[in-house]
PDB file of all heavy atoms in Angstrom:
ATOM      1  N   ARG A   1     129.949 -60.848 -92.615  1.00  0.00           N
ATOM      2  CA  ARG A   1     129.501 -62.270 -92.815  1.00  0.00           C
ATOM      3  C   ARG A   1     128.204 -62.448 -92.236  1.00  0.00           C
ATOM      4  O   ARG A   1     127.955 -62.102 -91.092  1.00  0.00           O
ATOM      5  CB  ARG A   1     130.548 -63.182 -92.145  1.00  0.00           C
ATOM      6  CG  ARG A   1     131.900 -63.114 -92.749  1.00  0.00           C
ATOM      7  CD  ARG A   1     132.805 -64.041 -92.033  1.00  0.00           C
ATOM      8  NE  ARG A   1     132.478 -65.397 -92.323  1.00  0.00           N
ATOM      9  CZ  ARG A   1     133.285 -66.231 -92.892  1.00  0.00           C
ATOM     10  NH1 ARG A   1     134.495 -65.933 -93.187  1.00  0.00           N
ATOM     11  NH2 ARG A   1     132.934 -67.565 -93.080  1.00  0.00           N
ATOM     12  N   PRO A   2     127.226 -63.092 -92.919  1.00  0.00           N
ATOM     13  CA  PRO A   2     125.911 -63.331 -92.380  1.00  0.00           C
ATOM     14  C   PRO A   2     126.002 -64.398 -91.245  1.00  0.00           C
ATOM     15  O   PRO A   2     126.888 -65.266 -91.302  1.00  0.00           O
ATOM     16  CB  PRO A   2     125.090 -63.888 -93.590  1.00  0.00           C
ATOM     17  CG  PRO A   2     126.077 -64.334 -94.525  1.00  0.00           C
ATOM     18  CD  PRO A   2     127.308 -63.548 -94.377  1.00  0.00           C
ATOM     19  N   ARG A   3     125.073 -64.345 -90.370  1.00  0.00           N
ATOM     20  CA  ARG A   3     125.001 -65.260 -89.185  1.00  0.00           C
ATOM     21  C   ARG A   3     123.754 -65.987 -89.176  1.00  0.00           C
ATOM     22  O   ARG A   3     122.636 -65.377 -89.698  1.00  0.00           O
ATOM     23  CB  ARG A   3     125.133 -64.573 -87.894  1.00  0.00           C
ATOM     24  CG  ARG A   3     126.388 -63.914 -87.676  1.00  0.00           C
ATOM     25  CD  ARG A   3     126.565 -63.279 -86.298  1.00  0.00           C
ATOM     26  NE  ARG A   3     125.530 -62.265 -86.093  1.00  0.00           N
ATOM     27  CZ  ARG A   3     125.123 -61.738 -84.993  1.00  0.00           C
ATOM     28  NH1 ARG A   3     125.693 -62.145 -83.845  1.00  0.00           N
ATOM     29  NH2 ARG A   3     124.186 -60.810 -84.989  1.00  0.00           N
ATOM     30  N   MET A   4     123.697 -67.246 -88.886  1.00  0.00           N
ATOM     31  CA  MET A   4     122.491 -68.082 -88.751  1.00  0.00           C
ATOM     32  C   MET A   4     122.156 -68.161 -87.340  1.00  0.00           C
ATOM     33  O   MET A   4     122.884 -68.779 -86.592  1.00  0.00           O
ATOM     34  CB  MET A   4     122.607 -69.420 -89.365  1.00  0.00           C
ATOM     35  CG  MET A   4     122.713 -69.325 -90.925  1.00  0.00           C
ATOM     36  SD  MET A   4     121.230 -68.629 -91.737  1.00  0.00           S
ATOM     37  CE  MET A   4     121.391 -69.383 -93.376  1.00  0.00           C
ATOM     38  N   ILE A   5     121.074 -67.423 -86.783  1.00  0.00           N
ATOM     39  CA  ILE A   5     120.823 -67.376 -85.444  1.00  0.00           C
ATOM     40  C   ILE A   5     119.522 -68.246 -85.143  1.00  0.00           C
ATOM     41  O   ILE A   5     118.445 -68.017 -85.767  1.00  0.00           O
ATOM     42  CB  ILE A   5     120.532 -65.970 -84.975  1.00  0.00           C
ATOM     43  CG1 ILE A   5     121.904 -65.213 -85.245  1.00  0.00           C
ATOM     44  CG2 ILE A   5     120.088 -65.846 -83.528  1.00  0.00           C
ATOM     45  CD1 ILE A   5     121.714 -63.690 -84.989  1.00  0.00           C
ATOM     46  N   ALA A   6     119.633 -69.259 -84.255  1.00  0.00           N
ATOM     47  CA  ALA A   6     118.577 -70.037 -83.866  1.00  0.00           C
ATOM     48  C   ALA A   6     117.346 -69.245 -83.406  1.00  0.00           C
ATOM     49  O   ALA A   6     117.515 -68.350 -82.487  1.00  0.00           O
ATOM     50  CB  ALA A   6     118.924 -71.086 -82.945  1.00  0.00           C
ATOM     51  N   VAL A   7     116.159 -69.638 -83.764  1.00  0.00           N
ATOM     52  CA  VAL A   7     114.876 -69.003 -83.271  1.00  0.00           C
ATOM     53  C   VAL A   7     114.594 -69.846 -81.985  1.00  0.00           C
ATOM     54  O   VAL A   7     114.718 -71.035 -81.846  1.00  0.00           O
ATOM     55  CB  VAL A   7     113.777 -69.260 -84.293  1.00  0.00           C
ATOM     56  CG1 VAL A   7     112.459 -68.706 -83.719  1.00  0.00           C
ATOM     57  CG2 VAL A   7     114.108 -68.484 -85.488  1.00  0.00           C
ATOM     58  N   ASP A   8     114.162 -68.986 -80.972  1.00  0.00           N
ATOM     59  CA  ASP A   8     113.730 -69.642 -79.668  1.00  0.00           C
ATOM     60  C   ASP A   8     112.655 -70.711 -79.937  1.00  0.00           C
ATOM     61  O   ASP A   8     111.680 -70.592 -80.663  1.00  0.00           O
ATOM     62  CB  ASP A   8     113.238 -68.591 -78.754  1.00  0.00           C
ATOM     63  CG  ASP A   8     114.375 -67.667 -78.250  1.00  0.00           C
ATOM     64  OD1 ASP A   8     115.521 -68.065 -78.290  1.00  0.00           O
ATOM     65  OD2 ASP A   8     114.074 -66.534 -77.818  1.00  0.00           O
ATOM     66  N   GLY A   9     112.761 -71.778 -79.080  1.00  0.00           N
ATOM     67  CA  GLY A   9     111.827 -72.861 -79.169  1.00  0.00           C
ATOM     68  C   GLY A   9     112.312 -74.063 -79.845  1.00  0.00           C
ATOM     69  O   GLY A   9     113.247 -74.010 -80.738  1.00  0.00           O
ATOM     70  N   SER A  10     111.685 -75.171 -79.673  1.00  0.00           N
ATOM     71  CA  SER A  10     112.080 -76.437 -80.310  1.00  0.00           C
ATOM     72  C   SER A  10     110.878 -77.114 -80.963  1.00  0.00           C
ATOM     73  O   SER A  10     109.714 -76.759 -80.612  1.00  0.00           O
ATOM     74  CB  SER A  10     112.815 -77.396 -79.329  1.00  0.00           C
ATOM     75  OG  SER A  10     111.937 -77.666 -78.281  1.00  0.00           O
ATOM     76  N   PHE A  11     111.080 -77.988 -81.854  1.00  0.00           N
ATOM     77  CA  PHE A  11     109.948 -78.711 -82.519  1.00  0.00           C
ATOM     78  C   PHE A  11     109.656 -79.936 -81.700  1.00  0.00           C
ATOM     79  O   PHE A  11     110.436 -80.619 -81.057  1.00  0.00           O
ATOM     80  CB  PHE A  11     110.451 -79.161 -83.912  1.00  0.00           C
ATOM     81  CG  PHE A  11     110.786 -77.990 -84.831  1.00  0.00           C
ATOM     82  CD1 PHE A  11     112.121 -78.005 -85.400  1.00  0.00           C
ATOM     83  CD2 PHE A  11     109.811 -77.105 -85.247  1.00  0.00           C
ATOM     84  CE1 PHE A  11     112.446 -76.929 -86.283  1.00  0.00           C
ATOM     85  CE2 PHE A  11     110.198 -76.140 -86.100  1.00  0.00           C
ATOM     86  CZ  PHE A  11     111.443 -75.994 -86.665  1.00  0.00           C
ATOM     87  N   SER A  12     108.343 -80.285 -81.712  1.00  0.00           N
ATOM     88  CA  SER A  12     107.815 -81.466 -81.182  1.00  0.00           C
ATOM     89  C   SER A  12     107.426 -82.442 -82.283  1.00  0.00           C
ATOM     90  O   SER A  12     106.424 -82.258 -82.988  1.00  0.00           O
ATOM     91  CB  SER A  12     106.568 -81.213 -80.295  1.00  0.00           C
ATOM     92  OG  SER A  12     106.035 -82.354 -79.763  1.00  0.00           O
ATOM     93  N   TRP A  13     108.275 -83.489 -82.479  1.00  0.00           N
ATOM     94  CA  TRP A  13     108.173 -84.253 -83.622  1.00  0.00           C
ATOM     95  C   TRP A  13     107.241 -85.549 -83.468  1.00  0.00           C
ATOM     96  O   TRP A  13     107.160 -86.028 -82.431  1.00  0.00           O
ATOM     97  CB  TRP A  13     109.532 -84.747 -84.135  1.00  0.00           C
ATOM     98  CG  TRP A  13     110.427 -83.645 -84.523  1.00  0.00           C
ATOM     99  CD1 TRP A  13     111.383 -83.008 -83.835  1.00  0.00           C
ATOM    100  CD2 TRP A  13     110.419 -83.091 -85.901  1.00  0.00           C
ATOM    101  NE1 TRP A  13     111.964 -82.013 -84.675  1.00  0.00           N
ATOM    102  CE2 TRP A  13     111.412 -82.064 -85.878  1.00  0.00           C
ATOM    103  CE3 TRP A  13     109.705 -83.314 -87.025  1.00  0.00           C
ATOM    104  CZ2 TRP A  13     111.624 -81.303 -86.978  1.00  0.00           C
ATOM    105  CZ3 TRP A  13     109.944 -82.610 -88.178  1.00  0.00           C
ATOM    106  CH2 TRP A  13     110.930 -81.579 -88.162  1.00  0.00           C
ATOM    107  N   GLN A  14     106.735 -85.957 -84.615  1.00  0.00           N
ATOM    108  CA  GLN A  14     106.082 -87.241 -84.665  1.00  0.00           C
ATOM    109  C   GLN A  14     106.610 -88.015 -85.927  1.00  0.00           C
ATOM    110  O   GLN A  14     107.157 -87.351 -86.840  1.00  0.00           O
ATOM    111  CB  GLN A  14     104.565 -87.038 -84.829  1.00  0.00           C
ATOM    112  CG  GLN A  14     103.871 -86.182 -83.742  1.00  0.00           C
ATOM    113  CD  GLN A  14     102.432 -85.956 -84.041  1.00  0.00           C
ATOM    114  OE1 GLN A  14     101.653 -86.960 -84.221  1.00  0.00           O
ATOM    115  NE2 GLN A  14     101.970 -84.703 -83.991  1.00  0.00           N
ATOM    116  N   SER A  15     106.580 -89.273 -85.811  1.00  0.00           N
ATOM    117  CA  SER A  15     107.212 -90.103 -86.916  1.00  0.00           C
ATOM    118  C   SER A  15     106.190 -91.152 -87.413  1.00  0.00           C
ATOM    119  O   SER A  15     105.274 -91.572 -86.776  1.00  0.00           O
ATOM    120  CB  SER A  15     108.390 -90.835 -86.451  1.00  0.00           C
ATOM    121  OG  SER A  15     108.074 -91.746 -85.400  1.00  0.00           O
ATOM    122  N   TYR A  16     106.391 -91.511 -88.705  1.00  0.00           N
ATOM    123  CA  TYR A  16     105.665 -92.591 -89.405  1.00  0.00           C
ATOM    124  C   TYR A  16     106.576 -93.344 -90.280  1.00  0.00           C
ATOM    125  O   TYR A  16     107.361 -92.711 -91.067  1.00  0.00           O
ATOM    126  CB  TYR A  16     104.530 -91.993 -90.162  1.00  0.00           C
ATOM    127  CG  TYR A  16     103.786 -92.871 -91.019  1.00  0.00           C
ATOM    128  CD1 TYR A  16     102.763 -93.692 -90.535  1.00  0.00           C
ATOM    129  CD2 TYR A  16     104.010 -93.072 -92.425  1.00  0.00           C
ATOM    130  CE1 TYR A  16     102.036 -94.601 -91.359  1.00  0.00           C
ATOM    131  CE2 TYR A  16     103.392 -93.886 -93.271  1.00  0.00           C
ATOM    132  CZ  TYR A  16     102.409 -94.809 -92.635  1.00  0.00           C
ATOM    133  OH  TYR A  16     101.638 -95.537 -93.443  1.00  0.00           O
ATOM    134  N   LEU A  17     106.508 -94.607 -90.180  1.00  0.00           N
ATOM    135  CA  LEU A  17     107.496 -95.510 -90.937  1.00  0.00           C
ATOM    136  C   LEU A  17     106.957 -95.838 -92.288  1.00  0.00           C
ATOM    137  O   LEU A  17     105.871 -96.291 -92.424  1.00  0.00           O
ATOM    138  CB  LEU A  17     107.841 -96.770 -90.151  1.00  0.00           C
ATOM    139  CG  LEU A  17     108.519 -96.587 -88.810  1.00  0.00           C
ATOM    140  CD1 LEU A  17     108.838 -98.009 -88.225  1.00  0.00           C
ATOM    141  CD2 LEU A  17     109.799 -95.826 -88.940  1.00  0.00           C
ATOM    142  N   GLU A  18     107.734 -95.482 -93.282  1.00  0.00           N
ATOM    143  CA  GLU A  18     107.423 -95.846 -94.695  1.00  0.00           C
ATOM    144  C   GLU A  18     107.488 -97.354 -94.883  1.00  0.00           C
ATOM    145  O   GLU A  18     108.418 -97.978 -94.320  1.00  0.00           O
ATOM    146  CB  GLU A  18     108.349 -95.107 -95.669  1.00  0.00           C
ATOM    147  CG  GLU A  18     108.221 -95.535 -97.086  1.00  0.00           C
ATOM    148  CD  GLU A  18     107.019 -95.114 -97.784  1.00  0.00           C
ATOM    149  OE1 GLU A  18     106.452 -94.020 -97.383  1.00  0.00           O
ATOM    150  OE2 GLU A  18     106.598 -95.757 -98.812  1.00  0.00           O
ATOM    151  N   GLU A  19     106.609 -97.968 -95.675  1.00  0.00           N
ATOM    152  CA  GLU A  19     106.672 -99.347 -95.822  1.00  0.00           C
ATOM    153  C   GLU A  19     107.791 -99.692 -96.820  1.00  0.00           C
ATOM    154  O   GLU A  19     107.998 -99.031 -97.862  1.00  0.00           O
ATOM    155  CB  GLU A  19     105.311 -99.827 -96.366  1.00  0.00           C
ATOM    156  CG  GLU A  19     104.172 -99.840 -95.291  1.00  0.00           C
ATOM    157  CD  GLU A  19     102.888-100.369 -95.906  1.00  0.00           C
ATOM    158  OE1 GLU A  19     102.954-100.847 -97.013  1.00  0.00           O
ATOM    159  OE2 GLU A  19     101.920-100.350 -95.129  1.00  0.00           O
ATOM    160  N   THR A  20     108.463-100.880 -96.552  1.00  0.00           N
ATOM    161  CA  THR A  20     109.348-101.423 -97.590  1.00  0.00           C
ATOM    162  C   THR A  20     108.646-102.149 -98.536  1.00  0.00           C
ATOM    163  O   THR A  20     107.923-103.152 -98.117  1.00  0.00           O
ATOM    164  CB  THR A  20     110.466-102.178 -96.905  1.00  0.00           C
ATOM    165  OG1 THR A  20     111.132-101.436 -95.967  1.00  0.00           O
ATOM    166  CG2 THR A  20     111.446-102.786 -97.931  1.00  0.00           C
ATOM    167  N   ALA A  21     108.529-101.800 -99.781  1.00  0.00           N
ATOM    168  CA  ALA A  21     107.728-102.425-100.757  1.00  0.00           C
ATOM    169  C   ALA A  21     108.292-103.955-101.033  1.00  0.00           C
ATOM    170  O   ALA A  21     109.492-104.058-100.879  1.00  0.00           O
ATOM    171  CB  ALA A  21     107.736-101.687-102.071  1.00  0.00           C
ATOM    172  N   SER A  22     107.477-104.858-101.367  1.00  0.00           N
ATOM    173  CA  SER A  22     107.925-106.201-101.625  1.00  0.00           C
ATOM    174  C   SER A  22     107.284-106.695-102.918  1.00  0.00           C
ATOM    175  O   SER A  22     106.317-106.163-103.414  1.00  0.00           O
ATOM    176  CB  SER A  22     107.611-107.104-100.454  1.00  0.00           C
ATOM    177  OG  SER A  22     106.130-107.143-100.278  1.00  0.00           O
ATOM    178  N   ALA A  23     107.826-107.635-103.527  1.00  0.00           N
ATOM    179  CA  ALA A  23     107.445-108.204-104.822  1.00  0.00           C
ATOM    180  C   ALA A  23     106.052-108.730-104.784  1.00  0.00           C
ATOM    181  O   ALA A  23     105.580-109.280-103.844  1.00  0.00           O
ATOM    182  CB  ALA A  23     108.425-109.264-105.281  1.00  0.00           C
ATOM    183  N   PHE A  24     105.419-108.535-105.963  1.00  0.00           N
ATOM    184  CA  PHE A  24     104.113-109.188-106.245  1.00  0.00           C
ATOM    185  C   PHE A  24     103.025-108.657-105.334  1.00  0.00           C
ATOM    186  O   PHE A  24     101.996-109.380-105.165  1.00  0.00           O
ATOM    187  CB  PHE A  24     104.259-110.685-106.244  1.00  0.00           C
ATOM    188  CG  PHE A  24     105.441-111.117-107.039  1.00  0.00           C
ATOM    189  CD1 PHE A  24     106.407-111.935-106.404  1.00  0.00           C
ATOM    190  CD2 PHE A  24     105.624-110.830-108.357  1.00  0.00           C
ATOM    191  CE1 PHE A  24     107.541-112.393-107.044  1.00  0.00           C
ATOM    192  CE2 PHE A  24     106.800-111.296-109.069  1.00  0.00           C
ATOM    193  CZ  PHE A  24     107.721-112.047-108.424  1.00  0.00           C
ATOM    194  N   ALA A  25     103.117-107.483-104.725  1.00  0.00           N
ATOM    195  CA  ALA A  25     102.013-106.904-104.091  1.00  0.00           C
ATOM    196  C   ALA A  25     101.002-106.387-105.008  1.00  0.00           C
ATOM    197  O   ALA A  25     101.198-106.303-106.176  1.00  0.00           O
ATOM    198  CB  ALA A  25     102.532-105.721-103.206  1.00  0.00           C
ATOM    199  N   ASP A  26      99.848-106.011-104.432  1.00  0.00           N
ATOM    200  CA  ASP A  26      98.758-105.605-105.286  1.00  0.00           C
ATOM    201  C   ASP A  26      99.009-104.404-106.171  1.00  0.00           C
ATOM    202  O   ASP A  26      98.484-104.256-107.291  1.00  0.00           O
ATOM    203  CB  ASP A  26      97.493-105.378-104.480  1.00  0.00           C
ATOM    204  CG  ASP A  26      96.947-106.777-103.805  1.00  0.00           C
ATOM    205  OD1 ASP A  26      97.267-107.783-104.424  1.00  0.00           O
ATOM    206  OD2 ASP A  26      96.277-106.658-102.785  1.00  0.00           O
ATOM    207  N   ASP A  27      99.723-103.494-105.591  1.00  0.00           N
ATOM    208  CA  ASP A  27      99.910-102.166-106.255  1.00  0.00           C
ATOM    209  C   ASP A  27     101.269-102.115-107.019  1.00  0.00           C
ATOM    210  O   ASP A  27     101.821-101.050-107.239  1.00  0.00           O
ATOM    211  CB  ASP A  27      99.852-101.047-105.237  1.00  0.00           C
ATOM    212  CG  ASP A  27     100.915-101.103-104.209  1.00  0.00           C
ATOM    213  OD1 ASP A  27     101.504-102.232-104.058  1.00  0.00           O
ATOM    214  OD2 ASP A  27     101.025-100.172-103.358  1.00  0.00           O
ATOM    215  N   THR A  28     101.730-103.193-107.561  1.00  0.00           N
ATOM    216  CA  THR A  28     102.949-103.340-108.296  1.00  0.00           C
ATOM    217  C   THR A  28     102.645-103.753-109.713  1.00  0.00           C
ATOM    218  O   THR A  28     101.674-104.435-109.937  1.00  0.00           O
ATOM    219  CB  THR A  28     104.003-104.172-107.623  1.00  0.00           C
ATOM    220  OG1 THR A  28     103.486-105.507-107.662  1.00  0.00           O
ATOM    221  CG2 THR A  28     104.314-103.689-106.248  1.00  0.00           C
ATOM    222  N   THR A  29     103.689-103.525-110.640  1.00  0.00           N
ATOM    223  CA  THR A  29     103.597-103.984-111.965  1.00  0.00           C
ATOM    224  C   THR A  29     104.833-105.001-112.090  1.00  0.00           C
ATOM    225  O   THR A  29     105.951-104.740-111.722  1.00  0.00           O
ATOM    226  CB  THR A  29     103.796-102.845-113.004  1.00  0.00           C
ATOM    227  OG1 THR A  29     102.709-101.951-112.818  1.00  0.00           O
ATOM    228  CG2 THR A  29     103.742-103.343-114.402  1.00  0.00           C
ATOM    229  N   THR A  30     104.531-106.117-112.684  1.00  0.00           N
ATOM    230  CA  THR A  30     105.633-107.205-112.852  1.00  0.00           C
ATOM    231  C   THR A  30     105.959-107.358-114.300  1.00  0.00           C
ATOM    232  O   THR A  30     105.065-107.485-115.089  1.00  0.00           O
ATOM    233  CB  THR A  30     105.065-108.534-112.217  1.00  0.00           C
ATOM    234  OG1 THR A  30     104.739-108.359-110.787  1.00  0.00           O
ATOM    235  CG2 THR A  30     106.119-109.584-112.407  1.00  0.00           C
ATOM    236  N   MET A  31     107.224-107.286-114.558  1.00  0.00           N
ATOM    237  CA  MET A  31     107.814-107.597-115.878  1.00  0.00           C
ATOM    238  C   MET A  31     109.027-108.418-115.810  1.00  0.00           C
ATOM    239  O   MET A  31     109.650-108.489-114.772  1.00  0.00           O
ATOM    240  CB  MET A  31     108.055-106.188-116.527  1.00  0.00           C
ATOM    241  CG  MET A  31     106.813-105.274-116.780  1.00  0.00           C
ATOM    242  SD  MET A  31     107.245-103.751-117.523  1.00  0.00           S
ATOM    243  CE  MET A  31     107.973-102.870-116.106  1.00  0.00           C
TER     244      MET A  31
END
């Protein structure tokens, strides 16, 4: 059976929040 073995070390993460789109903004199409 194959094994999944963790590689030494951990990730240092950064985050960025995606915008929640709203109606009638400049970059939208209205129909």
